Amino acid sequence: MDKAKPNIAVEYTEAATVAVLTDDKILDESEVSALESSIVPLIEQNPGINLIMDFSSVEFLTSSVLGLLIRISKKVHEGEGQLRLCGINSKILDIFRITRLDKVFDIHEGRQEALESLE
């Protein structure tokens, strides 16, 4: 298995592009880099993208992922799109709260709530 390739599934709905992170752990720099190289082109090729990142399967992540999320958010907003995060477990959500990133990102419990927030 190629560890440099993140297990990510991209789904398209009428309202949004949903990037589902399927790895339970995103700890390695190569995984973060691969995640970035999967998501950034998606944003660049779709100006005005409504992007939902679904973290339902993720149990652990490195602080590098938080930095990546900030870069992704900047790119989405530069293209006049919207970014929503959903499915973040309570331990990871605590990190967002401690770092005050819960004030930066639009975080929803589930995918449906994230989709509804776009309308």
Protein backbone atom coordinates (compact mmCIF):
# COMPACT_ATOMS: atom_id res chain seq x y z
CA MET A 1 0.00 0.00 0.00
CA ASP A 2 1.34 3.42 -0.95
CA LYS A 3 1.37 5.41 2.31
CA ALA A 4 1.97 8.67 0.42
CA LYS A 5 -1.47 8.46 -1.13
CA PRO A 6 -4.21 9.46 1.26
CA ASN A 7 -7.36 7.43 1.34
CA ILE A 8 -9.76 10.12 0.24
CA ALA A 9 -13.00 9.82 -1.64
CA VAL A 10 -14.50 12.73 -3.51
CA GLU A 11 -18.26 12.86 -3.88
CA TYR A 12 -20.28 15.43 -5.78
CA THR A 13 -23.69 16.71 -4.77
CA GLU A 14 -25.72 19.50 -6.34
CA ALA A 15 -24.63 21.91 -3.60
CA ALA A 16 -21.06 20.84 -2.84
CA THR A 17 -17.97 18.77 -3.45
CA VAL A 18 -17.47 16.44 -0.49
CA ALA A 19 -13.96 15.24 0.33
CA VAL A 20 -14.27 12.23 2.63
CA LEU A 21 -11.07 11.42 4.51
CA THR A 22 -11.12 7.66 5.00
CA ASP A 23 -7.83 7.17 6.88
CA ASP A 24 -8.26 6.85 10.64
CA LYS A 25 -4.86 8.46 11.26
CA ILE A 26 -3.15 11.30 9.41
CA LEU A 27 0.17 11.52 11.20
CA ASP A 28 2.95 11.37 8.64
CA GLU A 29 4.19 14.43 6.71
CA SER A 30 3.96 12.45 3.46
CA GLU A 31 0.27 11.77 4.19
CA VAL A 32 -0.37 15.47 4.85
CA SER A 33 1.48 16.39 1.65
CA ALA A 34 -0.46 13.81 -0.36
CA LEU A 35 -3.72 15.10 1.11
CA GLU A 36 -2.77 18.62 0.08
CA SER A 37 -1.88 17.50 -3.45
CA SER A 38 -5.28 15.79 -3.71
CA ILE A 39 -7.40 18.67 -2.44
CA VAL A 40 -5.65 21.83 -3.68
CA PRO A 41 -6.06 21.00 -7.42
CA LEU A 42 -9.74 20.32 -6.75
CA ILE A 43 -10.07 23.87 -5.39
CA GLU A 44 -7.96 25.46 -8.13
CA GLN A 45 -9.93 23.75 -10.92
CA ASN A 46 -13.30 24.76 -9.45
CA PRO A 47 -13.41 28.48 -8.57
CA GLY A 48 -16.31 29.22 -6.24
CA ILE A 49 -16.23 25.64 -4.91
CA ASN A 50 -18.41 24.66 -1.99
CA LEU A 51 -16.11 22.16 -0.30
CA ILE A 52 -17.11 19.94 2.59
CA MET A 53 -14.36 17.97 4.29
CA ASP A 54 -15.77 14.97 6.13
CA PHE A 55 -13.56 13.74 8.99
CA SER A 56 -15.95 11.00 10.21
CA SER A 57 -13.32 8.26 9.91
CA VAL A 58 -10.41 10.26 11.32
CA GLU A 59 -9.42 9.45 14.90
CA PHE A 60 -5.97 11.06 15.05
CA LEU A 61 -4.24 13.79 13.10
CA THR A 62 -1.04 15.76 13.37
CA SER A 63 -0.91 19.52 13.89
CA SER A 64 0.35 19.74 10.30
CA VAL A 65 -3.20 18.91 9.20
CA LEU A 66 -4.42 22.03 11.01
CA GLY A 67 -1.92 24.09 9.02
CA LEU A 68 -3.09 22.41 5.84
CA LEU A 69 -6.71 23.21 6.69
CA ILE A 70 -5.78 26.88 7.08
CA ARG A 71 -4.11 26.86 3.64
CA ILE A 72 -7.12 25.08 2.13
CA SER A 73 -9.47 27.60 3.72
CA LYS A 74 -7.44 30.50 2.29
CA LYS A 75 -7.52 28.99 -1.22
CA VAL A 76 -11.26 28.31 -1.05
CA HIS A 77 -12.00 31.85 0.12
CA GLU A 78 -9.67 33.40 -2.48
CA GLY A 79 -11.78 31.62 -5.11
CA GLU A 80 -14.93 32.95 -3.43
CA GLY A 81 -16.01 29.48 -2.38
CA GLN A 82 -17.14 28.09 0.94
CA LEU A 83 -15.51 25.50 3.20
CA ARG A 84 -17.30 23.37 5.78
CA LEU A 85 -15.82 20.73 8.06
CA CYS A 86 -17.91 17.91 9.48
CA GLY A 87 -17.71 14.63 11.34
CA ILE A 88 -14.86 15.72 13.61
CA ASN A 89 -14.62 13.51 16.70
CA SER A 90 -14.66 15.07 20.17
CA LYS A 91 -10.93 14.64 20.87
CA ILE A 92 -9.96 16.40 17.65
CA LEU A 93 -12.67 19.01 18.17
CA ASP A 94 -11.08 19.80 21.55
CA ILE A 95 -7.86 20.66 19.69
CA PHE A 96 -9.83 23.00 17.42
CA ARG A 97 -11.29 24.66 20.52
CA ILE A 98 -7.95 24.98 22.35
CA THR A 99 -6.33 26.56 19.28
CA ARG A 100 -9.49 28.64 18.65
CA LEU A 101 -9.73 27.18 15.17
CA ASP A 102 -13.36 26.39 15.95
CA LYS A 103 -13.85 30.16 15.46
CA VAL A 104 -12.02 30.10 12.12
CA PHE A 105 -13.72 27.09 10.54
CA ASP A 106 -17.40 26.45 9.97
CA ILE A 107 -17.71 23.07 11.71
CA HIS A 108 -20.82 20.89 11.63
CA GLU A 109 -21.69 17.63 13.33
CA GLY A 110 -22.65 15.77 10.18
CA ARG A 111 -22.58 16.06 6.42
CA GLN A 112 -26.26 16.92 6.14
CA GLU A 113 -25.89 19.91 8.48
CA ALA A 114 -22.83 21.05 6.52
CA LEU A 115 -24.76 20.81 3.25
CA GLU A 116 -27.72 22.71 4.69
CA SER A 117 -25.42 25.49 5.91
CA LEU A 118 -24.43 26.21 2.30
CA GLU A 119 -27.97 27.02 1.22
